[in-house]
C-alpha atoms as a PDB file:
ATOM      1  CA  MET A   1     104.498  98.437 109.951  1.00  0.00           C
ATOM      2  CA  HIS A   2     101.132 100.268 111.324  1.00  0.00           C
ATOM      3  CA  PRO A   3     101.320 103.155 108.955  1.00  0.00           C
ATOM      4  CA  HIS A   4     102.097 100.503 105.717  1.00  0.00           C
ATOM      5  CA  ILE A   5      98.952  98.990 106.418  1.00  0.00           C
ATOM      6  CA  SER A   6      96.536 102.137 107.491  1.00  0.00           C
ATOM      7  CA  SER A   7      97.479 103.808 103.771  1.00  0.00           C
ATOM      8  CA  PHE A   8      96.886 100.090 102.164  1.00  0.00           C
ATOM      9  CA  ILE A   9      92.831 100.042 103.847  1.00  0.00           C
ATOM     10  CA  ASP A  10      92.240 104.110 102.953  1.00  0.00           C
ATOM     11  CA  SER A  11      92.652 103.282  99.157  1.00  0.00           C
ATOM     12  CA  LEU A  12      90.278 100.069  99.203  1.00  0.00           C
ATOM     13  CA  VAL A  13      87.790 100.451  96.643  1.00  0.00           C
ATOM     14  CA  LEU A  14      84.079  98.679  97.009  1.00  0.00           C
ATOM     15  CA  TYR A  15      85.306  96.453  94.219  1.00  0.00           C
ATOM     16  CA  ASP A  16      88.142  95.277  96.719  1.00  0.00           C
ATOM     17  CA  TYR A  17      85.753  94.745  99.005  1.00  0.00           C
ATOM     18  CA  LEU A  18      83.651  92.546  97.329  1.00  0.00           C
ATOM     19  CA  LEU A  19      86.697  90.295  96.087  1.00  0.00           C
ATOM     20  CA  PHE A  20      87.451  89.915  99.414  1.00  0.00           C
ATOM     21  CA  GLY A  21      83.538  88.936 100.594  1.00  0.00           C
ATOM     22  CA  ALA A  22      83.965  86.652  97.066  1.00  0.00           C
ATOM     23  CA  VAL A  23      87.302  84.781  98.106  1.00  0.00           C
ATOM     24  CA  PHE A  24      85.958  84.267 101.469  1.00  0.00           C
ATOM     25  CA  ILE A  25      82.575  82.010 100.478  1.00  0.00           C
ATOM     26  CA  LEU A  26      84.247  80.120  97.632  1.00  0.00           C
ATOM     27  CA  PHE A  27      87.248  79.204 100.108  1.00  0.00           C
ATOM     28  CA  ILE A  28      84.353  77.957 102.694  1.00  0.00           C
ATOM     29  CA  LEU A  29      81.935  76.709  99.870  1.00  0.00           C
ATOM     30  CA  PHE A  30      85.484  74.363  99.012  1.00  0.00           C
ATOM     31  CA  ILE A  31      86.056  73.052 102.131  1.00  0.00           C
ATOM     32  CA  ILE A  32      82.608  72.378 102.675  1.00  0.00           C
ATOM     33  CA  LEU A  33      82.859  70.202  99.756  1.00  0.00           C
ATOM     34  CA  GLY A  34      85.461  68.727 100.711  1.00  0.00           C
ATOM     35  CA  ILE A  35      84.053  67.871 104.001  1.00  0.00           C
ATOM     36  CA  VAL A  36      81.239  66.345 102.223  1.00  0.00           C
ATOM     37  CA  LEU A  37      82.874  64.668  99.975  1.00  0.00           C
ATOM     38  CA  ARG A  38      84.911  63.279 102.702  1.00  0.00           C
ATOM     39  CA  ASN A  39      84.701  59.873 101.843  1.00  0.00           C
ATOM     40  CA  LYS A  40      86.152  60.322  97.782  1.00  0.00           C
ATOM     41  CA  ILE A  41      89.182  61.343  99.113  1.00  0.00           C
ATOM     42  CA  PHE A  42      90.618  62.303  96.210  1.00  0.00           C
ATOM     43  CA  LEU A  43      88.109  65.233  95.489  1.00  0.00           C
ATOM     44  CA  ALA A  44      87.589  66.147  99.231  1.00  0.00           C
ATOM     45  CA  THR A  45      91.581  66.406  99.096  1.00  0.00           C
ATOM     46  CA  ILE A  46      91.227  68.450  95.652  1.00  0.00           C
ATOM     47  CA  PHE A  47      88.319  70.383  97.399  1.00  0.00           C
ATOM     48  CA  ILE A  48      90.390  71.499 100.600  1.00  0.00           C
ATOM     49  CA  THR A  49      93.557  72.995  98.460  1.00  0.00           C
ATOM     50  CA  LEU A  50      91.823  74.286  96.286  1.00  0.00           C
ATOM     51  CA  ALA A  51      90.220  76.405  98.966  1.00  0.00           C
ATOM     52  CA  PHE A  52      93.380  76.916 100.681  1.00  0.00           C
ATOM     53  CA  SER A  53      95.026  78.255  96.968  1.00  0.00           C
ATOM     54  CA  THR A  54      91.475  80.809  96.209  1.00  0.00           C
ATOM     55  CA  LEU A  55      92.445  81.733 100.312  1.00  0.00           C
ATOM     56  CA  LEU A  56      95.908  82.397  99.549  1.00  0.00           C
ATOM     57  CA  ALA A  57      96.311  83.727  95.768  1.00  0.00           C
ATOM     58  CA  GLY A  58      92.645  85.065  94.649  1.00  0.00           C
ATOM     59  CA  PRO A  59      92.839  88.187  96.701  1.00  0.00           C
ATOM     60  CA  VAL A  60      96.644  89.021  95.418  1.00  0.00           C
ATOM     61  CA  VAL A  61      95.820  88.322  91.843  1.00  0.00           C
ATOM     62  CA  GLY A  62      92.557  89.792  91.585  1.00  0.00           C
ATOM     63  CA  TYR A  63      93.231  92.896  93.495  1.00  0.00           C
ATOM     64  CA  ILE A  64      96.574  92.952  90.502  1.00  0.00           C
ATOM     65  CA  GLN A  65      93.707  92.836  88.302  1.00  0.00           C
ATOM     66  CA  ILE A  66      91.071  94.873  89.110  1.00  0.00           C
ATOM     67  CA  HIS A  67      93.449  97.800  89.950  1.00  0.00           C
ATOM     68  CA  LYS A  68      94.849  97.274  86.363  1.00  0.00           C
ATOM     69  CA  TYR A  69      91.669  97.433  84.740  1.00  0.00           C
ATOM     70  CA  LEU A  70      90.187 100.097  87.086  1.00  0.00           C
ATOM     71  CA  PHE A  71      93.062 102.287  87.147  1.00  0.00           C
ATOM     72  CA  ALA A  72      94.701 101.676  83.355  1.00  0.00           C
ATOM     73  CA  HIS A  73      97.068 104.432  82.815  1.00  0.00           C
ATOM     74  CA  ASP A  74     100.472 104.402  80.143  1.00  0.00           C
ATOM     75  CA  ILE A  75     103.521 105.974  80.427  1.00  0.00           C
ATOM     76  CA  THR A  76     105.330 107.031  77.272  1.00  0.00           C
ATOM     77  CA  ASP A  77     108.207 108.990  76.365  1.00  0.00           C
ATOM     78  CA  VAL A  78     110.548 108.549  79.520  1.00  0.00           C
ATOM     79  CA  GLU A  79     113.819 110.256  79.004  1.00  0.00           C
ATOM     80  CA  HIS A  80     116.594 110.067  81.578  1.00  0.00           C
ATOM     81  CA  LYS A  81     119.848 113.010  81.695  1.00  0.00           C
ATOM     82  CA  LYS A  82     122.551 112.526  84.281  1.00  0.00           C
ATOM     83  CA  LEU A  83     123.317 116.700  84.063  1.00  0.00           C
ATOM     84  CA  GLU A  84     127.046 117.099  84.012  1.00  0.00           C
ATOM     85  CA  PHE A  85     127.644 120.196  86.911  1.00  0.00           C
ATOM     86  CA  THR A  86     125.161 118.907  89.912  1.00  0.00           C
ATOM     87  CA  GLN A  87     124.637 114.821  91.425  1.00  0.00           C
ATOM     88  CA  ALA A  88     121.027 115.004  89.866  1.00  0.00           C
ATOM     89  CA  VAL A  89     118.951 112.440  87.111  1.00  0.00           C
ATOM     90  CA  VAL A  90     116.378 114.203  85.884  1.00  0.00           C
ATOM     91  CA  VAL A  91     113.783 112.056  84.772  1.00  0.00           C
ATOM     92  CA  LYS A  92     110.912 113.090  81.884  1.00  0.00           C
ATOM     93  CA  GLY A  93     107.755 111.501  80.123  1.00  0.00           C
ATOM     94  CA  VAL A  94     104.153 111.520  79.807  1.00  0.00           C
ATOM     95  CA  LEU A  95     101.325 110.289  81.751  1.00  0.00           C
ATOM     96  CA  LYS A  96      97.898 108.867  79.969  1.00  0.00           C
ATOM     97  CA  ASN A  97      95.050 108.516  82.028  1.00  0.00           C
ATOM     98  CA  SER A  98      93.580 105.896  80.121  1.00  0.00           C
ATOM     99  CA  SER A  99      90.898 104.896  82.428  1.00  0.00           C
ATOM    100  CA  LYS A 100      87.117 105.657  82.760  1.00  0.00           C
ATOM    101  CA  LYS A 101      87.631 107.750  85.388  1.00  0.00           C
ATOM    102  CA  ASP A 102      88.985 110.645  87.085  1.00  0.00           C
ATOM    103  CA  PHE A 103      92.089 109.822  89.721  1.00  0.00           C
ATOM    104  CA  SER A 104      91.629 111.291  92.241  1.00  0.00           C
ATOM    105  CA  HIS A 105      96.280 111.647  92.750  1.00  0.00           C
ATOM    106  CA  CYS A 106      99.325 109.743  91.119  1.00  0.00           C
ATOM    107  CA  ASP A 107     102.196 108.301  93.076  1.00  0.00           C
ATOM    108  CA  ILE A 108     104.649 108.282  90.199  1.00  0.00           C
ATOM    109  CA  THR A 109     108.247 106.487  90.908  1.00  0.00           C
ATOM    110  CA  ALA A 110     111.377 106.680  88.950  1.00  0.00           C
ATOM    111  CA  SER A 111     114.185 104.321  89.895  1.00  0.00           C
ATOM    112  CA  ALA A 112     117.305 103.281  89.068  1.00  0.00           C
ATOM    113  CA  PHE A 113     118.882  99.867  89.625  1.00  0.00           C
ATOM    114  CA  LYS A 114     122.658  99.074  88.167  1.00  0.00           C
ATOM    115  CA  VAL A 115     123.450  97.028  85.114  1.00  0.00           C
ATOM    116  CA  SER A 116     125.897  94.596  85.113  1.00  0.00           C
ATOM    117  CA  GLY A 117     125.980  92.554  81.434  1.00  0.00           C
ATOM    118  CA  ASN A 118     124.091  89.337  82.327  1.00  0.00           C
ATOM    119  CA  LYS A 119     120.690  88.714  81.818  1.00  0.00           C
ATOM    120  CA  TYR A 120     120.257  86.792  85.621  1.00  0.00           C
ATOM    121  CA  LYS A 121     122.075  89.364  88.048  1.00  0.00           C
ATOM    122  CA  ASP A 122     119.991  92.033  85.788  1.00  0.00           C
ATOM    123  CA  LEU A 123     116.859  91.326  86.730  1.00  0.00           C
ATOM    124  CA  ILE A 124     117.377  90.684  90.390  1.00  0.00           C
ATOM    125  CA  LEU A 125     119.905  93.710  90.705  1.00  0.00           C
ATOM    126  CA  SER A 126     116.177  95.496  89.055  1.00  0.00           C
ATOM    127  CA  LEU A 127     114.177  94.533  91.802  1.00  0.00           C
ATOM    128  CA  LYS A 128     116.268  95.916  94.194  1.00  0.00           C
ATOM    129  CA  PRO A 129     116.971  99.765  92.606  1.00  0.00           C
ATOM    130  CA  PHE A 130     120.103 101.386  94.528  1.00  0.00           C
ATOM    131  CA  GLN A 131     117.632 104.748  94.361  1.00  0.00           C
ATOM    132  CA  LYS A 132     113.771 105.821  94.391  1.00  0.00           C
ATOM    133  CA  SER A 133     112.171 109.237  93.562  1.00  0.00           C
ATOM    134  CA  THR A 134     108.489 109.383  93.513  1.00  0.00           C
ATOM    135  CA  ILE A 135     106.840 112.110  92.899  1.00  0.00           C
ATOM    136  CA  ILE A 136     102.720 112.491  93.315  1.00  0.00           C
ATOM    137  CA  GLU A 137     100.245 114.444  91.168  1.00  0.00           C
ATOM    138  CA  TYR A 138      96.457 115.164  91.680  1.00  0.00           C
ATOM    139  CA  ASP A 139      93.063 115.751  90.277  1.00  0.00           C
ATOM    140  CA  ILE A 140      94.392 113.941  86.573  1.00  0.00           C
ATOM    141  CA  PRO A 141      91.116 114.072  84.378  1.00  0.00           C
ATOM    142  CA  LYS A 142      90.542 111.096  82.025  1.00  0.00           C
ATOM    143  CA  GLU A 143      91.973 110.431  78.574  1.00  0.00           C
ATOM    144  CA  TYR A 144      94.715 113.553  80.245  1.00  0.00           C
ATOM    145  CA  LEU A 145      98.398 113.560  79.593  1.00  0.00           C
ATOM    146  CA  LEU A 146     100.591 114.862  81.668  1.00  0.00           C
ATOM    147  CA  GLU A 147     103.918 115.966  81.183  1.00  0.00           C
ATOM    148  CA  PHE A 148     105.861 115.198  84.509  1.00  0.00           C
ATOM    149  CA  LYS A 149     109.666 115.873  85.662  1.00  0.00           C
ATOM    150  CA  ILE A 150     111.897 113.802  88.212  1.00  0.00           C
ATOM    151  CA  ILE A 151     114.602 114.373  89.897  1.00  0.00           C
ATOM    152  CA  ILE A 152     117.195 112.135  91.487  1.00  0.00           C
ATOM    153  CA  GLU A 153     118.935 113.577  93.732  1.00  0.00           C
ATOM    154  CA  PRO A 154     122.031 113.353  95.312  1.00  0.00           C
ATOM    155  CA  PHE A 155     123.051 110.546  92.167  1.00  0.00           C
ATOM    156  CA  VAL A 156     126.377 110.005  92.860  1.00  0.00           C
ATOM    157  CA  TYR A 157     126.761 106.606  90.874  1.00  0.00           C
ATOM    158  CA  SER A 158     129.266 106.598  88.650  1.00  0.00           C
ATOM    159  CA  GLY A 159     129.248 102.870  86.793  1.00  0.00           C
ATOM    160  CA  ASP A 160     125.952 101.749  84.275  1.00  0.00           C
ATOM    161  CA  TYR A 161     122.584 102.154  85.046  1.00  0.00           C
ATOM    162  CA  ASN A 162     119.002 101.807  84.107  1.00  0.00           C
ATOM    163  CA  ILE A 163     115.203 103.886  85.042  1.00  0.00           C
ATOM    164  CA  SER A 164     112.444 102.811  85.384  1.00  0.00           C
ATOM    165  CA  VAL A 165     109.118 104.075  85.891  1.00  0.00           C
ATOM    166  CA  GLU A 166     106.250 103.173  87.474  1.00  0.00           C
ATOM    167  CA  ALA A 167     102.255 104.922  88.635  1.00  0.00           C
ATOM    168  CA  SER A 168     100.134 103.758  90.733  1.00  0.00           C
ATOM    169  CA  CYS A 169      96.824 105.366  90.614  1.00  0.00           C
ATOM    170  CA  GLN A 170      93.686 105.658  92.304  1.00  0.00           C
END
């Protein structure tokens, strides 16, 4: 668990620290307002609830939105083909850096998951892929189109499956 936390902290940018600081200041502000208005139970309860909601949801939602804006990218033209004589699936696609800054690296992950035909079961199965493969591409300039190829092996599943491709860029 320690390497995951260290890599997360290493990947933080200045805007993340500003976000976490602003969330903490809002938390303190709402707690103080709740204490000041302790004679008005309804308002005090709202401010205390708002304080803890901000503390729990603010960093998560803010982090996702900041990174969606700062490190915007698009993945298009995704194709996959199961090879006949080898136990592998080849996934091809195009990654476009649509942000206003250059990426130092992108982790592109292809995930394979089972398909059952039931939409609720498919939703659950899509959360737990049975096989993944990741490649890392370095130094991607803004507005650059990067063609990638990922090989998922050994791929021995013979049933119906779907492939999803995600990227995490910085």
